[in-house]
N, C-alpha and C. Protein backbone atom coordinates (compact mmCIF):
# COMPACT_ATOMS: atom_id res chain seq x y z
N UNK A 1 94.13 2.46 -1.02
CA UNK A 1 93.37 2.85 -2.23
C UNK A 1 92.91 4.24 -2.13
N UNK A 2 92.76 5.03 -2.84
CA UNK A 2 92.15 6.39 -2.83
C UNK A 2 90.45 6.20 -2.85
N UNK A 3 90.07 7.48 -2.55
CA UNK A 3 88.39 7.17 -2.63
C UNK A 3 87.91 6.92 -3.97
N UNK A 4 88.71 7.67 -4.89
CA UNK A 4 88.07 7.30 -6.25
C UNK A 4 88.46 5.89 -6.66
N UNK A 5 89.43 5.33 -6.16
CA UNK A 5 89.69 4.05 -6.70
C UNK A 5 88.60 3.06 -6.05
N UNK A 6 88.25 3.29 -4.82
CA UNK A 6 87.30 2.54 -4.08
C UNK A 6 86.01 2.84 -4.78
N UNK A 7 85.61 4.06 -5.21
CA UNK A 7 84.37 4.27 -5.97
C UNK A 7 84.35 3.60 -7.13
N UNK A 8 85.24 3.72 -7.83
CA UNK A 8 85.56 3.01 -9.29
C UNK A 8 85.33 1.54 -9.11
N UNK A 9 85.84 0.83 -8.19
CA UNK A 9 85.75 -0.83 -7.77
C UNK A 9 84.38 -1.17 -7.45
N UNK A 10 84.01 -0.34 -6.41
CA UNK A 10 82.75 -0.89 -5.67
C UNK A 10 81.42 -0.25 -6.00
N UNK A 11 81.33 0.85 -6.53
CA UNK A 11 80.14 1.69 -6.62
C UNK A 11 78.77 1.01 -7.14
N UNK A 12 79.33 0.26 -8.22
CA UNK A 12 78.14 -0.48 -9.14
C UNK A 12 77.60 -1.55 -8.40
N UNK A 13 78.40 -2.14 -7.41
CA UNK A 13 77.99 -3.42 -6.71
C UNK A 13 77.09 -2.68 -5.46
N UNK A 14 77.56 -1.77 -4.91
CA UNK A 14 76.60 -1.05 -3.91
C UNK A 14 75.52 -0.49 -4.26
N UNK A 15 75.60 0.08 -5.60
CA UNK A 15 74.20 0.49 -6.20
C UNK A 15 73.24 -0.48 -6.31
N UNK A 16 73.78 -1.65 -6.96
CA UNK A 16 72.84 -2.75 -7.13
C UNK A 16 72.20 -3.36 -5.80
N UNK A 17 73.00 -3.52 -4.75
CA UNK A 17 72.56 -3.83 -3.61
C UNK A 17 71.29 -2.97 -3.01
N UNK A 18 71.81 -1.51 -3.08
CA UNK A 18 70.61 -0.49 -2.58
C UNK A 18 69.37 -0.80 -3.33
N UNK A 19 69.52 -0.85 -4.73
CA UNK A 19 68.33 -1.01 -5.54
C UNK A 19 67.64 -2.30 -5.06
N UNK A 20 68.16 -3.28 -4.73
CA UNK A 20 67.61 -4.60 -4.45
C UNK A 20 66.76 -4.35 -3.09
N UNK A 21 67.46 -3.60 -2.03
CA UNK A 21 66.83 -3.35 -0.78
C UNK A 21 65.50 -2.53 -1.07
N UNK A 22 65.65 -1.38 -2.02
CA UNK A 22 64.37 -0.62 -2.34
C UNK A 22 63.33 -1.32 -2.82
N UNK A 23 63.48 -2.36 -3.84
CA UNK A 23 62.75 -3.38 -4.42
C UNK A 23 61.88 -4.28 -3.26
N UNK A 24 62.69 -4.80 -2.45
CA UNK A 24 62.28 -5.50 -1.48
C UNK A 24 61.48 -4.71 -0.58
N UNK A 25 61.70 -3.55 -0.04
CA UNK A 25 60.90 -2.77 0.70
C UNK A 25 59.52 -2.29 -0.09
N UNK A 26 59.51 -2.11 -1.36
CA UNK A 26 58.43 -1.75 -2.17
C UNK A 26 57.54 -3.12 -2.10
N UNK A 27 58.10 -4.23 -2.31
CA UNK A 27 57.16 -5.41 -2.16
C UNK A 27 56.49 -5.62 -0.74
N UNK A 28 57.25 -5.34 0.28
CA UNK A 28 56.75 -5.66 1.73
C UNK A 28 55.78 -4.62 1.76
N UNK A 29 55.83 -3.28 1.15
CA UNK A 29 54.79 -2.40 1.31
C UNK A 29 53.45 -2.76 0.76
N UNK A 30 53.50 -3.34 -0.26
CA UNK A 30 52.44 -3.84 -1.19
C UNK A 30 51.81 -5.09 -0.39
N UNK A 31 52.23 -5.74 0.27
CA UNK A 31 51.74 -6.94 0.97
C UNK A 31 50.92 -6.70 2.19
N UNK A 32 50.10 -7.42 2.42
CA UNK A 32 49.20 -7.33 3.53
C UNK A 32 49.86 -8.23 4.67
N UNK A 33 49.56 -7.83 5.90
CA UNK A 33 50.05 -8.73 6.88
C UNK A 33 50.38 -7.93 8.24
N UNK A 34 50.88 -8.46 9.27
CA UNK A 34 51.24 -7.98 10.57
C UNK A 34 52.39 -7.35 10.24
N UNK A 35 52.88 -6.24 11.32
CA UNK A 35 54.27 -6.05 11.48
C UNK A 35 55.20 -7.20 11.87
N UNK A 36 56.40 -7.08 11.62
CA UNK A 36 57.49 -7.88 11.79
C UNK A 36 58.68 -7.55 12.03
N UNK A 37 59.57 -8.11 13.11
CA UNK A 37 60.52 -7.72 13.80
C UNK A 37 61.71 -7.68 12.91
N UNK A 38 61.66 -8.27 11.90
CA UNK A 38 62.64 -8.35 10.93
C UNK A 38 62.74 -7.07 9.84
N UNK A 39 61.85 -6.57 9.75
CA UNK A 39 61.47 -5.16 9.04
C UNK A 39 61.97 -4.17 9.96
N UNK A 40 61.73 -4.24 11.32
CA UNK A 40 61.99 -3.27 12.10
C UNK A 40 63.71 -3.30 12.28
N UNK A 41 64.29 -4.38 12.37
CA UNK A 41 65.80 -4.57 12.35
C UNK A 41 66.29 -4.04 11.05
N UNK A 42 65.77 -4.33 10.12
CA UNK A 42 66.40 -3.64 8.72
C UNK A 42 66.32 -2.23 8.61
N UNK A 43 65.24 -1.70 8.98
CA UNK A 43 65.02 -0.33 9.25
C UNK A 43 66.06 0.35 10.16
N UNK A 44 66.34 -0.22 11.38
CA UNK A 44 67.39 0.11 12.36
C UNK A 44 68.71 0.10 11.46
N UNK A 45 69.08 -0.99 11.05
CA UNK A 45 70.31 -1.11 10.22
C UNK A 45 70.40 0.00 9.16
N UNK A 46 69.43 0.38 8.45
CA UNK A 46 69.39 1.58 7.44
C UNK A 46 69.62 2.86 8.05
N UNK A 47 69.17 2.82 9.25
CA UNK A 47 69.65 4.21 9.85
C UNK A 47 70.94 4.27 10.32
N UNK A 48 71.59 3.13 10.66
CA UNK A 48 73.09 3.25 10.81
C UNK A 48 73.75 3.68 9.55
N UNK A 49 73.19 3.32 8.50
CA UNK A 49 73.86 3.67 7.14
C UNK A 49 74.08 5.34 6.91
N UNK A 50 72.91 6.00 7.50
CA UNK A 50 72.95 7.42 7.49
C UNK A 50 73.61 7.82 8.56
N UNK A 51 74.87 7.63 8.70
CA UNK A 51 75.54 8.18 9.88
C UNK A 51 77.15 8.53 9.28
N UNK A 52 77.82 9.32 9.89
CA UNK A 52 79.03 9.82 9.52
C UNK A 52 80.00 9.02 10.43
N UNK A 53 79.72 8.10 11.46
CA UNK A 53 80.37 7.44 12.04
C UNK A 53 81.07 6.28 11.32
N UNK A 54 82.39 5.89 11.54
CA UNK A 54 83.06 5.08 10.83
C UNK A 54 82.84 3.58 11.08
N UNK A 55 81.75 3.44 12.17
CA UNK A 55 81.69 1.80 12.51
C UNK A 55 80.34 1.40 12.02
N UNK A 56 79.81 1.91 10.81
CA UNK A 56 78.45 1.67 10.35
C UNK A 56 78.40 0.15 10.01
N UNK A 57 79.44 -0.44 9.65
CA UNK A 57 79.34 -2.07 9.19
C UNK A 57 79.05 -2.87 10.70
N UNK A 58 79.63 -2.25 11.74
CA UNK A 58 79.35 -3.07 13.12
C UNK A 58 77.95 -2.63 13.50
N UNK A 59 77.53 -1.42 13.34
CA UNK A 59 76.28 -1.15 13.71
C UNK A 59 74.99 -1.90 12.85
N UNK A 60 75.09 -2.21 11.72
CA UNK A 60 74.44 -2.97 10.85
C UNK A 60 74.36 -4.28 11.22
N UNK A 61 75.47 -4.77 11.50
CA UNK A 61 75.54 -6.17 11.90
C UNK A 61 74.87 -6.44 13.17
N UNK A 62 75.02 -5.57 14.09
CA UNK A 62 74.53 -5.59 15.45
C UNK A 62 72.94 -5.40 15.33
N UNK A 63 72.52 -4.60 14.45
CA UNK A 63 71.13 -4.53 14.34
C UNK A 63 70.50 -5.88 13.63
N UNK A 64 70.98 -6.58 12.90
CA UNK A 64 70.76 -7.86 12.34
C UNK A 64 71.31 -9.01 13.05
N UNK A 65 71.42 -8.84 14.32
CA UNK A 65 72.02 -9.94 15.04
C UNK A 65 71.07 -10.36 16.02
N UNK A 66 71.18 -11.47 16.69
CA UNK A 66 70.37 -12.06 17.73
C UNK A 66 71.65 -12.18 18.75
N UNK A 67 71.69 -11.40 19.84
CA UNK A 67 72.73 -11.50 20.54
C UNK A 67 72.44 -12.17 21.99
N UNK A 68 71.25 -12.89 21.98
CA UNK A 68 70.81 -13.57 23.20
C UNK A 68 71.82 -14.66 23.30
N UNK A 69 72.00 -15.01 24.67
CA UNK A 69 72.85 -16.15 25.02
C UNK A 69 72.27 -17.55 25.36
N UNK A 70 70.99 -17.36 25.73
CA UNK A 70 70.40 -18.63 26.07
C UNK A 70 69.90 -19.27 25.00
N UNK A 71 69.90 -20.55 24.83
CA UNK A 71 69.31 -21.19 23.62
C UNK A 71 68.00 -21.42 23.78
N UNK A 72 67.16 -21.47 22.66
CA UNK A 72 65.78 -21.66 22.66
C UNK A 72 65.55 -23.14 22.99
N UNK A 73 64.15 -23.69 23.56
CA UNK A 73 64.14 -24.98 23.97
C UNK A 73 64.11 -25.81 22.66
N UNK A 74 63.48 -25.19 21.58
CA UNK A 74 63.45 -26.03 20.39
C UNK A 74 63.32 -25.08 19.11
N UNK A 75 63.87 -25.48 18.16
CA UNK A 75 63.73 -24.65 16.73
C UNK A 75 62.33 -24.68 16.39
N UNK A 76 62.00 -23.55 15.77
CA UNK A 76 60.75 -23.40 15.18
C UNK A 76 60.64 -23.46 13.62
N UNK A 77 62.06 -23.13 13.29
CA UNK A 77 62.12 -23.27 11.75
C UNK A 77 63.50 -24.03 11.43
N UNK A 78 64.01 -24.26 10.22
CA UNK A 78 65.05 -24.94 9.98
C UNK A 78 66.03 -23.92 9.51
N UNK A 79 65.92 -22.51 9.64
CA UNK A 79 66.86 -21.52 9.41
C UNK A 79 66.73 -20.35 10.33
N UNK A 80 67.96 -19.70 10.37
CA UNK A 80 68.12 -18.55 11.16
C UNK A 80 67.33 -17.30 10.51
N UNK A 81 66.72 -16.56 11.45
CA UNK A 81 65.85 -15.40 10.85
C UNK A 81 66.39 -14.14 10.69
N UNK A 82 67.68 -13.87 10.91
CA UNK A 82 68.43 -12.73 10.60
C UNK A 82 68.33 -11.55 11.48
N UNK A 83 67.46 -11.69 12.57
CA UNK A 83 67.32 -10.49 13.48
C UNK A 83 66.80 -11.21 14.96
N UNK A 84 66.63 -10.33 16.00
CA UNK A 84 66.41 -10.64 17.19
C UNK A 84 64.97 -10.51 17.42
N UNK A 85 64.03 -11.51 17.43
CA UNK A 85 62.43 -11.38 17.82
C UNK A 85 62.26 -10.56 18.77
N UNK A 86 63.16 -10.58 19.76
CA UNK A 86 62.53 -9.88 21.06
C UNK A 86 63.34 -8.64 21.21
N UNK A 87 64.15 -8.15 20.36
CA UNK A 87 64.63 -6.85 20.47
C UNK A 87 63.87 -5.44 20.09
N UNK A 88 63.93 -4.69 20.87
CA UNK A 88 63.20 -3.43 20.84
C UNK A 88 64.11 -2.42 20.15
N UNK A 89 63.70 -1.98 18.70
CA UNK A 89 64.40 -0.98 18.12
C UNK A 89 64.52 0.29 18.63
């Protein structure tokens, strides 16, 4: 596909997702509470978007992944958290 075709097909979807992220960040900013590793991971992922390197998707995925190999002794929740709580951004 040409660049124009890609933009014609996917721009509105991407625009919607960016607006969703902006609204989410506005809600987080208005809320009270302690810093959270997930927000740090999301900000790291967004920095990867502001790049001219072709592997942006890989960098975003890595920023939002827990790459530890050792399992935790017991689950603390019923769901994945979407980031590595021990990772330093």
